[in-house]
PDB file of N, CA and C in Angstrom:
ATOM      1  N   MET A   1      -1.501  -4.542  -2.817  1.00  0.00           N
ATOM      2  CA  MET A   1      -2.869  -5.236  -3.201  1.00  0.00           C
ATOM      3  C   MET A   1      -3.313  -4.004  -4.071  1.00  0.00           C
ATOM      4  N   LYS A   2      -4.057  -4.905  -5.208  1.00  0.00           N
ATOM      5  CA  LYS A   2      -4.563  -3.725  -6.065  1.00  0.00           C
ATOM      6  C   LYS A   2      -6.210  -4.285  -6.430  1.00  0.00           C
ATOM      7  N   ALA A   3      -7.233  -3.435  -6.560  1.00  0.00           N
ATOM      8  CA  ALA A   3      -8.348  -3.919  -6.305  1.00  0.00           C
ATOM      9  C   ALA A   3      -8.520  -3.754  -7.936  1.00  0.00           C
ATOM     10  N   VAL A   4      -9.305  -4.971  -8.437  1.00  0.00           N
ATOM     11  CA  VAL A   4      -9.519  -5.269  -9.665  1.00  0.00           C
ATOM     12  C   VAL A   4     -10.863  -5.715  -9.806  1.00  0.00           C
ATOM     13  N   ASN A   5     -11.736  -5.045 -10.392  1.00  0.00           N
ATOM     14  CA  ASN A   5     -13.221  -5.419 -10.153  1.00  0.00           C
ATOM     15  C   ASN A   5     -13.864  -5.772  -8.653  1.00  0.00           C
ATOM     16  N   SER A   6     -14.298  -6.861  -8.650  1.00  0.00           N
ATOM     17  CA  SER A   6     -14.908  -7.414  -7.368  1.00  0.00           C
ATOM     18  C   SER A   6     -13.652  -8.027  -6.754  1.00  0.00           C
ATOM     19  N   ALA A   7     -12.410  -8.083  -7.018  1.00  0.00           N
ATOM     20  CA  ALA A   7     -11.579  -8.883  -6.146  1.00  0.00           C
ATOM     21  C   ALA A   7     -10.065  -7.864  -5.884  1.00  0.00           C
ATOM     22  N   VAL A   8      -9.406  -8.580  -5.407  1.00  0.00           N
ATOM     23  CA  VAL A   8      -8.030  -8.106  -4.897  1.00  0.00           C
ATOM     24  C   VAL A   8      -7.027  -8.952  -5.368  1.00  0.00           C
ATOM     25  N   GLU A   9      -5.820  -8.205  -6.243  1.00  0.00           N
ATOM     26  CA  GLU A   9      -5.046  -9.092  -6.681  1.00  0.00           C
ATOM     27  C   GLU A   9      -3.764  -8.783  -5.603  1.00  0.00           C
ATOM     28  N   PHE A  10      -3.082  -9.771  -5.251  1.00  0.00           N
ATOM     29  CA  PHE A  10      -1.857  -9.664  -4.322  1.00  0.00           C
ATOM     30  C   PHE A  10      -0.857  -9.887  -5.069  1.00  0.00           C
ATOM     31  N   VAL A  11       0.082  -8.853  -5.235  1.00  0.00           N
ATOM     32  CA  VAL A  11       1.480  -8.801  -5.878  1.00  0.00           C
ATOM     33  C   VAL A  11       2.526  -9.279  -5.170  1.00  0.00           C
ATOM     34  N   LEU A  12       2.849 -10.349  -5.301  1.00  0.00           N
ATOM     35  CA  LEU A  12       4.029 -10.816  -4.461  1.00  0.00           C
ATOM     36  C   LEU A  12       5.529 -11.269  -5.243  1.00  0.00           C
ATOM     37  N   ARG A  13       6.594 -11.377  -4.617  1.00  0.00           N
ATOM     38  CA  ARG A  13       7.590 -11.586  -5.675  1.00  0.00           C
ATOM     39  C   ARG A  13       7.565 -12.969  -6.478  1.00  0.00           C
ATOM     40  N   ASN A  14       6.898 -13.916  -5.891  1.00  0.00           N
ATOM     41  CA  ASN A  14       6.886 -14.879  -6.606  1.00  0.00           C
ATOM     42  C   ASN A  14       5.434 -15.181  -7.524  1.00  0.00           C
ATOM     43  N   GLY A  15       4.847 -14.108  -7.477  1.00  0.00           N
ATOM     44  CA  GLY A  15       3.663 -14.139  -8.476  1.00  0.00           C
ATOM     45  C   GLY A  15       2.638 -13.411  -8.096  1.00  0.00           C
ATOM     46  N   ILE A  16       1.493 -13.613  -8.717  1.00  0.00           N
ATOM     47  CA  ILE A  16       0.163 -12.587  -8.579  1.00  0.00           C
ATOM     48  C   ILE A  16      -1.022 -13.521  -8.266  1.00  0.00           C
ATOM     49  N   PHE A  17      -1.606 -13.375  -7.032  1.00  0.00           N
ATOM     50  CA  PHE A  17      -2.703 -13.932  -6.593  1.00  0.00           C
ATOM     51  C   PHE A  17      -4.088 -13.210  -6.514  1.00  0.00           C
ATOM     52  N   ARG A  18      -5.023 -13.695  -6.759  1.00  0.00           N
ATOM     53  CA  ARG A  18      -6.407 -13.156  -6.719  1.00  0.00           C
ATOM     54  C   ARG A  18      -7.443 -13.840  -5.602  1.00  0.00           C
ATOM     55  N   ARG A  19      -7.854 -12.827  -4.970  1.00  0.00           N
ATOM     56  CA  ARG A  19      -9.151 -13.367  -3.916  1.00  0.00           C
ATOM     57  C   ARG A  19     -10.206 -12.391  -4.066  1.00  0.00           C
ATOM     58  N   GLU A  20     -11.334 -13.017  -4.075  1.00  0.00           N
ATOM     59  CA  GLU A  20     -12.668 -12.071  -4.147  1.00  0.00           C
ATOM     60  C   GLU A  20     -13.021 -11.794  -2.684  1.00  0.00           C
ATOM     61  N   THR A  21     -12.473 -10.368  -2.665  1.00  0.00           N
ATOM     62  CA  THR A  21     -12.680  -9.708  -1.339  1.00  0.00           C
ATOM     63  C   THR A  21     -12.829  -8.171  -1.863  1.00  0.00           C
ATOM     64  N   SER A  22     -12.733  -7.335  -1.087  1.00  0.00           N
ATOM     65  CA  SER A  22     -12.481  -5.877  -1.304  1.00  0.00           C
ATOM     66  C   SER A  22     -11.141  -5.418  -0.495  1.00  0.00           C
ATOM     67  N   LEU A  23     -10.822  -4.370  -1.003  1.00  0.00           N
ATOM     68  CA  LEU A  23      -9.536  -3.521  -0.269  1.00  0.00           C
ATOM     69  C   LEU A  23     -10.193  -3.266   1.182  1.00  0.00           C
ATOM     70  N   SER A  24     -11.427  -2.414   1.022  1.00  0.00           N
ATOM     71  CA  SER A  24     -12.209  -2.241   2.455  1.00  0.00           C
ATOM     72  C   SER A  24     -11.879  -3.132   3.439  1.00  0.00           C
ATOM     73  N   GLU A  25     -12.299  -4.398   3.143  1.00  0.00           N
ATOM     74  CA  GLU A  25     -12.453  -5.751   4.227  1.00  0.00           C
ATOM     75  C   GLU A  25     -10.720  -6.049   4.245  1.00  0.00           C
ATOM     76  N   LEU A  26      -9.846  -5.698   3.817  1.00  0.00           N
ATOM     77  CA  LEU A  26      -8.756  -6.162   3.805  1.00  0.00           C
ATOM     78  C   LEU A  26      -8.120  -5.011   4.824  1.00  0.00           C
ATOM     79  N   ASP A  27      -8.462  -3.777   4.532  1.00  0.00           N
ATOM     80  CA  ASP A  27      -7.791  -2.658   5.241  1.00  0.00           C
ATOM     81  C   ASP A  27      -8.302  -2.728   6.552  1.00  0.00           C
ATOM     82  N   ASN A  28      -9.519  -3.253   6.971  1.00  0.00           N
ATOM     83  CA  ASN A  28      -9.924  -3.256   8.497  1.00  0.00           C
ATOM     84  C   ASN A  28      -9.051  -4.687   9.018  1.00  0.00           C
ATOM     85  N   ILE A  29      -8.804  -5.508   8.479  1.00  0.00           N
ATOM     86  CA  ILE A  29      -8.047  -6.551   8.831  1.00  0.00           C
ATOM     87  C   ILE A  29      -6.312  -6.470   8.876  1.00  0.00           C
ATOM     88  N   LEU A  30      -5.975  -5.926   8.313  1.00  0.00           N
ATOM     89  CA  LEU A  30      -4.286  -5.591   8.105  1.00  0.00           C
ATOM     90  C   LEU A  30      -4.024  -4.675   9.159  1.00  0.00           C
ATOM     91  N   ASP A  31      -2.837  -5.072   9.794  1.00  0.00           N
ATOM     92  CA  ASP A  31      -1.787  -4.138  10.631  1.00  0.00           C
ATOM     93  C   ASP A  31      -1.606  -2.976   9.755  1.00  0.00           C
ATOM     94  N   GLU A  32      -2.183  -1.646  10.355  1.00  0.00           N
ATOM     95  CA  GLU A  32      -1.988  -0.268   9.495  1.00  0.00           C
ATOM     96  C   GLU A  32      -0.406   0.061  10.040  1.00  0.00           C
ATOM     97  N   LYS A  33       0.514  -0.306  10.884  1.00  0.00           N
ATOM     98  CA  LYS A  33       1.831  -0.063  10.746  1.00  0.00           C
ATOM     99  C   LYS A  33       2.589  -0.825   9.746  1.00  0.00           C
ATOM    100  N   LEU A  34       1.980  -1.827   9.238  1.00  0.00           N
ATOM    101  CA  LEU A  34       2.614  -2.691   8.364  1.00  0.00           C
ATOM    102  C   LEU A  34       2.172  -2.248   6.757  1.00  0.00           C
ATOM    103  N   PHE A  35       1.247  -2.011   6.711  1.00  0.00           N
ATOM    104  CA  PHE A  35       0.002  -1.937   5.595  1.00  0.00           C
ATOM    105  C   PHE A  35      -0.802  -0.460   5.535  1.00  0.00           C
ATOM    106  N   TYR A  36      -0.794   0.303   4.387  1.00  0.00           N
ATOM    107  CA  TYR A  36      -1.257   1.501   4.259  1.00  0.00           C
ATOM    108  C   TYR A  36      -2.011   1.457   3.030  1.00  0.00           C
ATOM    109  N   ARG A  37      -3.389   1.914   3.009  1.00  0.00           N
ATOM    110  CA  ARG A  37      -4.212   2.230   1.972  1.00  0.00           C
ATOM    111  C   ARG A  37      -3.693   3.303   1.129  1.00  0.00           C
ATOM    112  N   ILE A  38      -2.885   3.365   0.152  1.00  0.00           N
ATOM    113  CA  ILE A  38      -2.383   5.071  -0.266  1.00  0.00           C
ATOM    114  C   ILE A  38      -3.491   5.580  -1.350  1.00  0.00           C
ATOM    115  N   ASN A  39      -4.543   4.864  -1.900  1.00  0.00           N
ATOM    116  CA  ASN A  39      -5.397   5.299  -2.414  1.00  0.00           C
ATOM    117  C   ASN A  39      -6.515   4.483  -2.839  1.00  0.00           C
ATOM    118  N   ARG A  40      -7.660   4.751  -3.617  1.00  0.00           N
ATOM    119  CA  ARG A  40      -8.813   3.762  -3.533  1.00  0.00           C
ATOM    120  C   ARG A  40      -8.385   2.606  -4.524  1.00  0.00           C
ATOM    121  N   GLN A  41      -7.344   2.520  -5.139  1.00  0.00           N
ATOM    122  CA  GLN A  41      -7.037   1.147  -5.873  1.00  0.00           C
ATOM    123  C   GLN A  41      -5.997   0.405  -4.977  1.00  0.00           C
ATOM    124  N   TYR A  42      -5.045   1.047  -4.188  1.00  0.00           N
ATOM    125  CA  TYR A  42      -4.076   0.149  -3.496  1.00  0.00           C
ATOM    126  C   TYR A  42      -3.946   0.328  -2.209  1.00  0.00           C
ATOM    127  N   ILE A  43      -3.620  -1.014  -1.667  1.00  0.00           N
ATOM    128  CA  ILE A  43      -2.999  -1.091  -0.294  1.00  0.00           C
ATOM    129  C   ILE A  43      -1.467  -1.482  -0.458  1.00  0.00           C
ATOM    130  N   VAL A  44      -0.332  -0.844   0.239  1.00  0.00           N
ATOM    131  CA  VAL A  44       0.977  -1.377   0.005  1.00  0.00           C
ATOM    132  C   VAL A  44       1.331  -2.052   1.319  1.00  0.00           C
ATOM    133  N   ASN A  45       2.484  -2.509   1.127  1.00  0.00           N
ATOM    134  CA  ASN A  45       3.271  -3.116   2.342  1.00  0.00           C
ATOM    135  C   ASN A  45       4.461  -1.892   2.627  1.00  0.00           C
ATOM    136  N   ILE A  46       4.360  -1.206   3.855  1.00  0.00           N
ATOM    137  CA  ILE A  46       5.300   0.027   4.100  1.00  0.00           C
ATOM    138  C   ILE A  46       6.600  -0.287   3.804  1.00  0.00           C
ATOM    139  N   GLY A  47       7.025  -1.940   4.059  1.00  0.00           N
ATOM    140  CA  GLY A  47       8.274  -2.349   4.497  1.00  0.00           C
ATOM    141  C   GLY A  47       9.021  -2.680   2.911  1.00  0.00           C
ATOM    142  N   GLU A  48       8.203  -2.588   1.989  1.00  0.00           N
ATOM    143  CA  GLU A  48       8.801  -2.793   0.511  1.00  0.00           C
ATOM    144  C   GLU A  48       8.588  -1.224  -0.374  1.00  0.00           C
ATOM    145  N   VAL A  49       8.338   0.000   0.279  1.00  0.00           N
ATOM    146  CA  VAL A  49       8.427   0.976  -0.411  1.00  0.00           C
ATOM    147  C   VAL A  49       9.989   1.372  -0.526  1.00  0.00           C
ATOM    148  N   GLU A  50      10.415   1.563  -1.896  1.00  0.00           N
ATOM    149  CA  GLU A  50      11.626   1.906  -2.309  1.00  0.00           C
ATOM    150  C   GLU A  50      12.139   3.446  -1.966  1.00  0.00           C
ATOM    151  N   GLN A  51      11.103   4.227  -2.232  1.00  0.00           N
ATOM    152  CA  GLN A  51      11.071   5.567  -2.282  1.00  0.00           C
ATOM    153  C   GLN A  51       9.888   6.393  -2.157  1.00  0.00           C
ATOM    154  N   TYR A  52       9.935   7.563  -1.170  1.00  0.00           N
ATOM    155  CA  TYR A  52       8.906   8.286  -1.495  1.00  0.00           C
ATOM    156  C   TYR A  52       9.090   9.563  -1.703  1.00  0.00           C
ATOM    157  N   LYS A  53       8.482  10.210  -2.643  1.00  0.00           N
ATOM    158  CA  LYS A  53       8.733  11.676  -2.856  1.00  0.00           C
ATOM    159  C   LYS A  53       7.953  12.207  -3.941  1.00  0.00           C
ATOM    160  N   ASN A  54       7.442  13.715  -3.466  1.00  0.00           N
ATOM    161  CA  ASN A  54       6.602  14.353  -4.134  1.00  0.00           C
ATOM    162  C   ASN A  54       5.225  13.396  -4.006  1.00  0.00           C
ATOM    163  N   GLY A  55       4.938  12.801  -2.949  1.00  0.00           N
ATOM    164  CA  GLY A  55       3.455  12.359  -3.158  1.00  0.00           C
ATOM    165  C   GLY A  55       3.313  11.015  -3.709  1.00  0.00           C
ATOM    166  N   LYS A  56       4.469  10.585  -4.278  1.00  0.00           N
ATOM    167  CA  LYS A  56       4.524   9.359  -5.176  1.00  0.00           C
ATOM    168  C   LYS A  56       5.526   8.227  -4.437  1.00  0.00           C
ATOM    169  N   ILE A  57       5.356   6.899  -4.351  1.00  0.00           N
ATOM    170  CA  ILE A  57       5.964   6.080  -3.813  1.00  0.00           C
ATOM    171  C   ILE A  57       6.069   4.928  -5.051  1.00  0.00           C
ATOM    172  N   GLN A  58       7.388   4.320  -4.693  1.00  0.00           N
ATOM    173  CA  GLN A  58       7.789   3.408  -5.783  1.00  0.00           C
ATOM    174  C   GLN A  58       8.226   2.088  -5.038  1.00  0.00           C
ATOM    175  N   ILE A  59       7.954   1.136  -5.644  1.00  0.00           N
ATOM    176  CA  ILE A  59       7.855  -0.323  -5.197  1.00  0.00           C
ATOM    177  C   ILE A  59       7.990  -0.956  -6.329  1.00  0.00           C
ATOM    178  N   CYS A  60       9.433  -1.833  -6.468  1.00  0.00           N
ATOM    179  CA  CYS A  60       9.534  -2.862  -7.529  1.00  0.00           C
ATOM    180  C   CYS A  60       9.708  -1.856  -8.667  1.00  0.00           C
ATOM    181  N   GLY A  61      10.242  -0.968  -8.477  1.00  0.00           N
ATOM    182  CA  GLY A  61      10.188  -0.058  -9.883  1.00  0.00           C
ATOM    183  C   GLY A  61       9.078   0.792 -10.379  1.00  0.00           C
ATOM    184  N   ILE A  62       7.904   0.477  -9.472  1.00  0.00           N
ATOM    185  CA  ILE A  62       6.548   0.671 -10.053  1.00  0.00           C
ATOM    186  C   ILE A  62       6.241   1.945  -9.363  1.00  0.00           C
ATOM    187  N   GLU A  63       5.940   3.113 -10.027  1.00  0.00           N
ATOM    188  CA  GLU A  63       5.665   4.385  -9.111  1.00  0.00           C
ATOM    189  C   GLU A  63       4.043   4.538  -9.133  1.00  0.00           C
ATOM    190  N   MET A  64       3.561   4.480  -7.765  1.00  0.00           N
ATOM    191  CA  MET A  64       2.103   4.762  -7.437  1.00  0.00           C
ATOM    192  C   MET A  64       1.730   6.212  -6.558  1.00  0.00           C
ATOM    193  N   GLU A  65       0.706   6.800  -6.869  1.00  0.00           N
ATOM    194  CA  GLU A  65       0.561   8.137  -6.329  1.00  0.00           C
ATOM    195  C   GLU A  65      -0.306   7.860  -5.017  1.00  0.00           C
ATOM    196  N   VAL A  66       0.208   8.356  -3.787  1.00  0.00           N
ATOM    197  CA  VAL A  66      -0.475   8.361  -2.464  1.00  0.00           C
ATOM    198  C   VAL A  66      -1.585   9.575  -2.941  1.00  0.00           C
ATOM    199  N   SER A  67      -2.648   9.408  -2.487  1.00  0.00           N
ATOM    200  CA  SER A  67      -3.834  10.573  -2.736  1.00  0.00           C
ATOM    201  C   SER A  67      -3.669  11.694  -1.822  1.00  0.00           C
ATOM    202  N   ILE A  68      -4.039  12.837  -2.150  1.00  0.00           N
ATOM    203  CA  ILE A  68      -3.546  14.082  -1.492  1.00  0.00           C
ATOM    204  C   ILE A  68      -4.059  13.877  -0.027  1.00  0.00           C
ATOM    205  N   ARG A  69      -5.470  13.435   0.290  1.00  0.00           N
ATOM    206  CA  ARG A  69      -6.072  13.596   1.642  1.00  0.00           C
ATOM    207  C   ARG A  69      -5.021  12.596   2.668  1.00  0.00           C
ATOM    208  N   LYS A  70      -4.373  11.605   1.914  1.00  0.00           N
ATOM    209  CA  LYS A  70      -3.767  10.131   2.666  1.00  0.00           C
ATOM    210  C   LYS A  70      -2.223  10.728   3.212  1.00  0.00           C
ATOM    211  N   ARG A  71      -1.780  11.462   2.276  1.00  0.00           N
ATOM    212  CA  ARG A  71      -0.330  12.011   2.378  1.00  0.00           C
ATOM    213  C   ARG A  71       0.208  12.165   3.700  1.00  0.00           C
ATOM    214  N   LYS A  72      -0.326  13.278   4.265  1.00  0.00           N
ATOM    215  CA  LYS A  72       0.389  13.187   5.705  1.00  0.00           C
ATOM    216  C   LYS A  72       0.179  12.335   6.747  1.00  0.00           C
ATOM    217  N   LYS A  73      -0.666  11.248   6.611  1.00  0.00           N
ATOM    218  CA  LYS A  73      -0.713  10.224   7.572  1.00  0.00           C
ATOM    219  C   LYS A  73      -0.035   9.035   7.074  1.00  0.00           C
ATOM    220  N   PHE A  74       0.374   9.223   5.624  1.00  0.00           N
ATOM    221  CA  PHE A  74       1.262   8.169   5.166  1.00  0.00           C
ATOM    222  C   PHE A  74       2.884   8.610   5.599  1.00  0.00           C
ATOM    223  N   GLN A  75       2.854   9.903   5.283  1.00  0.00           N
ATOM    224  CA  GLN A  75       4.428  10.227   5.636  1.00  0.00           C
ATOM    225  C   GLN A  75       4.554   9.884   7.338  1.00  0.00           C
ATOM    226  N   LYS A  76       3.749  10.353   8.129  1.00  0.00           N
ATOM    227  CA  LYS A  76       3.978   9.837   9.488  1.00  0.00           C
ATOM    228  C   LYS A  76       4.395   8.237   9.886  1.00  0.00           C
ATOM    229  N   ILE A  77       3.276   7.576   9.215  1.00  0.00           N
ATOM    230  CA  ILE A  77       3.477   5.789   9.183  1.00  0.00           C
ATOM    231  C   ILE A  77       4.830   5.400   8.389  1.00  0.00           C
ATOM    232  N   TYR A  78       5.147   6.073   7.240  1.00  0.00           N
ATOM    233  CA  TYR A  78       6.380   5.660   6.795  1.00  0.00           C
ATOM    234  C   TYR A  78       7.800   6.152   7.688  1.00  0.00           C
ATOM    235  N   THR A  79       7.529   7.080   8.147  1.00  0.00           N
ATOM    236  CA  THR A  79       8.719   7.579   8.997  1.00  0.00           C
ATOM    237  C   THR A  79       8.768   6.759  10.088  1.00  0.00           C
ATOM    238  N   LEU A  80       7.911   6.759  11.093  1.00  0.00           N
ATOM    239  CA  LEU A  80       7.771   5.510  12.088  1.00  0.00           C
ATOM    240  C   LEU A  80       7.987   4.361  11.703  1.00  0.00           C
ATOM    241  N   PHE A  81       8.105   3.910  10.717  1.00  0.00           N
ATOM    242  CA  PHE A  81       8.253   2.683  10.371  1.00  0.00           C
ATOM    243  C   PHE A  81       9.750   2.464   9.863  1.00  0.00           C
ATOM    244  N   ASP A  82      10.419   3.422   9.440  1.00  0.00           N
ATOM    245  CA  ASP A  82      11.653   3.296   9.023  1.00  0.00           C
ATOM    246  C   ASP A  82      12.572   3.687  10.362  1.00  0.00           C
ATOM    247  N   ILE A  83      12.128   4.332  11.325  1.00  0.00           N
ATOM    248  CA  ILE A  83      12.801   4.446  12.515  1.00  0.00           C
ATOM    249  C   ILE A  83      12.607   2.967  13.351  1.00  0.00           C
ATOM    250  N   ASP A  84      11.499   2.414  13.485  1.00  0.00           N
ATOM    251  CA  ASP A  84      11.345   1.209  14.044  1.00  0.00           C
ATOM    252  C   ASP A  84      11.827  -0.156  13.658  1.00  0.00           C
ATOM    253  N   TYR A  85      11.972   0.281  12.249  1.00  0.00           N
ATOM    254  CA  TYR A  85      12.829  -1.238  11.342  1.00  0.00           C
ATOM    255  C   TYR A  85      13.814  -0.754  10.762  1.00  0.00           C
TER     256      TYR A  85
END
């Protein structure tokens, strides 16, 4: 999910969908074991992360940076997700 102006774009395998809401609102609704807000602009599905290295993740070949203050918690959630699934 990507913040775009006053809306959020959901990037899915079968297309891009837009909804008038905020990432903060979605962040409060989504399960934190499956979704994580990596920075001010993106919430990602942990299960779709292909690689995490040096503070950057890769999903569908697209590289995104995890903000410095969120890296430690992301690493913990990503590791627990990998163990559980």
